[in-house]
Amino acid sequence: MSRKEKLLERLQRRPKDFTWDELTSLLKILGNTQRKTGKTGGSRMRFVHPVAPTITLHKPHPDNIIKEYVINDILEYFKKEGMI
């Protein structure tokens, strides 16, 4: 099983401990490029895909754990764009 498949399977289980690093790794594997939103962007990160719409996410802090609603939004985005 590839890293992509493992991360997607884990994300679809909606774990309570899915990390920002895992999410950014999965987004990059799926063809997204991470960009900062500007010098006043703070912890907001933009992910640009060559074909799919750009998404902007808030990097969690002080913990590195992704909130459940973000996981749901990401899964909906992946399904809508045919990435999963």
C-alpha atoms as a PDB file:
ATOM      1  CA  MET A   1       0.000   0.000   0.000  1.00  0.00           C
ATOM      2  CA  SER A   2       1.433   3.386  -1.011  1.00  0.00           C
ATOM      3  CA  ARG A   3       1.812   6.379   1.303  1.00  0.00           C
ATOM      4  CA  LYS A   4      -1.032   8.097  -0.558  1.00  0.00           C
ATOM      5  CA  GLU A   5      -3.365   5.146  -0.029  1.00  0.00           C
ATOM      6  CA  LYS A   6      -2.429   4.881   3.653  1.00  0.00           C
ATOM      7  CA  LEU A   7      -3.011   8.584   4.295  1.00  0.00           C
ATOM      8  CA  LEU A   8      -6.318   8.598   2.389  1.00  0.00           C
ATOM      9  CA  GLU A   9      -7.545   5.535   4.256  1.00  0.00           C
ATOM     10  CA  ARG A  10      -6.549   7.092   7.583  1.00  0.00           C
ATOM     11  CA  LEU A  11      -8.221  10.419   6.713  1.00  0.00           C
ATOM     12  CA  GLN A  12     -11.447   8.675   5.691  1.00  0.00           C
ATOM     13  CA  ARG A  13     -11.621   7.067   9.136  1.00  0.00           C
ATOM     14  CA  ARG A  14     -11.759  10.635  10.522  1.00  0.00           C
ATOM     15  CA  PRO A  15      -9.228  10.069  13.317  1.00  0.00           C
ATOM     16  CA  LYS A  16      -9.017  12.459  16.259  1.00  0.00           C
ATOM     17  CA  ASP A  17      -5.220  12.650  15.869  1.00  0.00           C
ATOM     18  CA  PHE A  18      -4.739  13.453  12.153  1.00  0.00           C
ATOM     19  CA  THR A  19      -1.871  15.952  11.990  1.00  0.00           C
ATOM     20  CA  TRP A  20      -1.187  19.013   9.877  1.00  0.00           C
ATOM     21  CA  ASP A  21       1.957  17.328   8.555  1.00  0.00           C
ATOM     22  CA  GLU A  22      -0.045  14.313   7.375  1.00  0.00           C
ATOM     23  CA  LEU A  23      -2.591  16.584   5.683  1.00  0.00           C
ATOM     24  CA  THR A  24       0.012  18.715   3.892  1.00  0.00           C
ATOM     25  CA  SER A  25       1.848  15.567   2.805  1.00  0.00           C
ATOM     26  CA  LEU A  26      -1.378  14.129   1.348  1.00  0.00           C
ATOM     27  CA  LEU A  27      -2.250  17.397  -0.406  1.00  0.00           C
ATOM     28  CA  LYS A  28       1.220  17.509  -1.974  1.00  0.00           C
ATOM     29  CA  ILE A  29       0.961  13.864  -3.093  1.00  0.00           C
ATOM     30  CA  LEU A  30      -2.357  14.763  -4.781  1.00  0.00           C
ATOM     31  CA  GLY A  31      -0.678  17.571  -6.762  1.00  0.00           C
ATOM     32  CA  ASN A  32      -1.205  20.646  -4.582  1.00  0.00           C
ATOM     33  CA  THR A  33       1.510  23.215  -3.976  1.00  0.00           C
ATOM     34  CA  GLN A  34       1.622  25.019  -0.636  1.00  0.00           C
ATOM     35  CA  ARG A  35       1.783  28.811  -0.746  1.00  0.00           C
ATOM     36  CA  LYS A  36       1.729  31.423   1.987  1.00  0.00           C
ATOM     37  CA  THR A  37      -1.179  33.844   1.829  1.00  0.00           C
ATOM     38  CA  GLY A  38       1.001  36.936   2.160  1.00  0.00           C
ATOM     39  CA  LYS A  39       2.977  38.648   4.878  1.00  0.00           C
ATOM     40  CA  THR A  40      -0.157  39.223   6.951  1.00  0.00           C
ATOM     41  CA  GLY A  41      -1.511  35.713   6.369  1.00  0.00           C
ATOM     42  CA  GLY A  42      -0.346  34.366   9.704  1.00  0.00           C
ATOM     43  CA  SER A  43      -1.161  30.676   9.974  1.00  0.00           C
ATOM     44  CA  ARG A  44      -3.363  30.579   6.875  1.00  0.00           C
ATOM     45  CA  MET A  45      -1.933  28.423   4.113  1.00  0.00           C
ATOM     46  CA  ARG A  46      -3.082  28.226   0.519  1.00  0.00           C
ATOM     47  CA  PHE A  47      -2.889  25.023  -1.507  1.00  0.00           C
ATOM     48  CA  VAL A  48      -2.897  25.490  -5.266  1.00  0.00           C
ATOM     49  CA  HIS A  49      -3.734  22.637  -7.630  1.00  0.00           C
ATOM     50  CA  PRO A  50      -3.176  22.857 -11.408  1.00  0.00           C
ATOM     51  CA  VAL A  51      -6.819  21.980 -12.168  1.00  0.00           C
ATOM     52  CA  ALA A  52      -8.849  21.994  -8.926  1.00  0.00           C
ATOM     53  CA  PRO A  53      -9.824  25.164  -7.056  1.00  0.00           C
ATOM     54  CA  THR A  54      -7.357  26.654  -4.584  1.00  0.00           C
ATOM     55  CA  ILE A  55      -8.100  25.908  -0.945  1.00  0.00           C
ATOM     56  CA  THR A  56      -7.074  27.942   2.073  1.00  0.00           C
ATOM     57  CA  LEU A  57      -6.611  26.243   5.424  1.00  0.00           C
ATOM     58  CA  HIS A  58      -5.756  27.518   8.868  1.00  0.00           C
ATOM     59  CA  LYS A  59      -2.713  25.772  10.335  1.00  0.00           C
ATOM     60  CA  PRO A  60      -3.702  24.544  13.800  1.00  0.00           C
ATOM     61  CA  HIS A  61      -1.797  25.838  16.793  1.00  0.00           C
ATOM     62  CA  PRO A  62      -0.499  25.326  19.383  1.00  0.00           C
ATOM     63  CA  ASP A  63      -1.305  21.671  18.644  1.00  0.00           C
ATOM     64  CA  ASN A  64      -0.670  20.095  15.269  1.00  0.00           C
ATOM     65  CA  ILE A  65      -4.013  18.216  15.179  1.00  0.00           C
ATOM     66  CA  ILE A  66      -6.603  18.881  12.448  1.00  0.00           C
ATOM     67  CA  LYS A  67     -10.154  19.627  13.617  1.00  0.00           C
ATOM     68  CA  GLU A  68     -12.940  17.235  12.610  1.00  0.00           C
ATOM     69  CA  TYR A  69     -14.807  19.839  10.533  1.00  0.00           C
ATOM     70  CA  VAL A  70     -11.639  20.466   8.500  1.00  0.00           C
ATOM     71  CA  ILE A  71     -11.286  16.738   7.827  1.00  0.00           C
ATOM     72  CA  ASN A  72     -14.902  16.640   6.647  1.00  0.00           C
ATOM     73  CA  ASP A  73     -14.353  19.686   4.403  1.00  0.00           C
ATOM     74  CA  ILE A  74     -11.177  18.185   2.916  1.00  0.00           C
ATOM     75  CA  LEU A  75     -12.882  14.850   2.210  1.00  0.00           C
ATOM     76  CA  GLU A  76     -15.769  16.680   0.509  1.00  0.00           C
ATOM     77  CA  TYR A  77     -13.266  18.696  -1.561  1.00  0.00           C
ATOM     78  CA  PHE A  78     -11.408  15.514  -2.605  1.00  0.00           C
ATOM     79  CA  LYS A  79     -14.647  13.799  -3.639  1.00  0.00           C
ATOM     80  CA  LYS A  80     -15.991  16.834  -5.503  1.00  0.00           C
ATOM     81  CA  GLU A  81     -12.744  17.229  -7.447  1.00  0.00           C
ATOM     82  CA  GLY A  82     -12.430  13.506  -8.204  1.00  0.00           C
ATOM     83  CA  MET A  83      -9.218  13.079  -6.217  1.00  0.00           C
ATOM     84  CA  ILE A  84     -10.650  10.113  -4.312  1.00  0.00           C
END
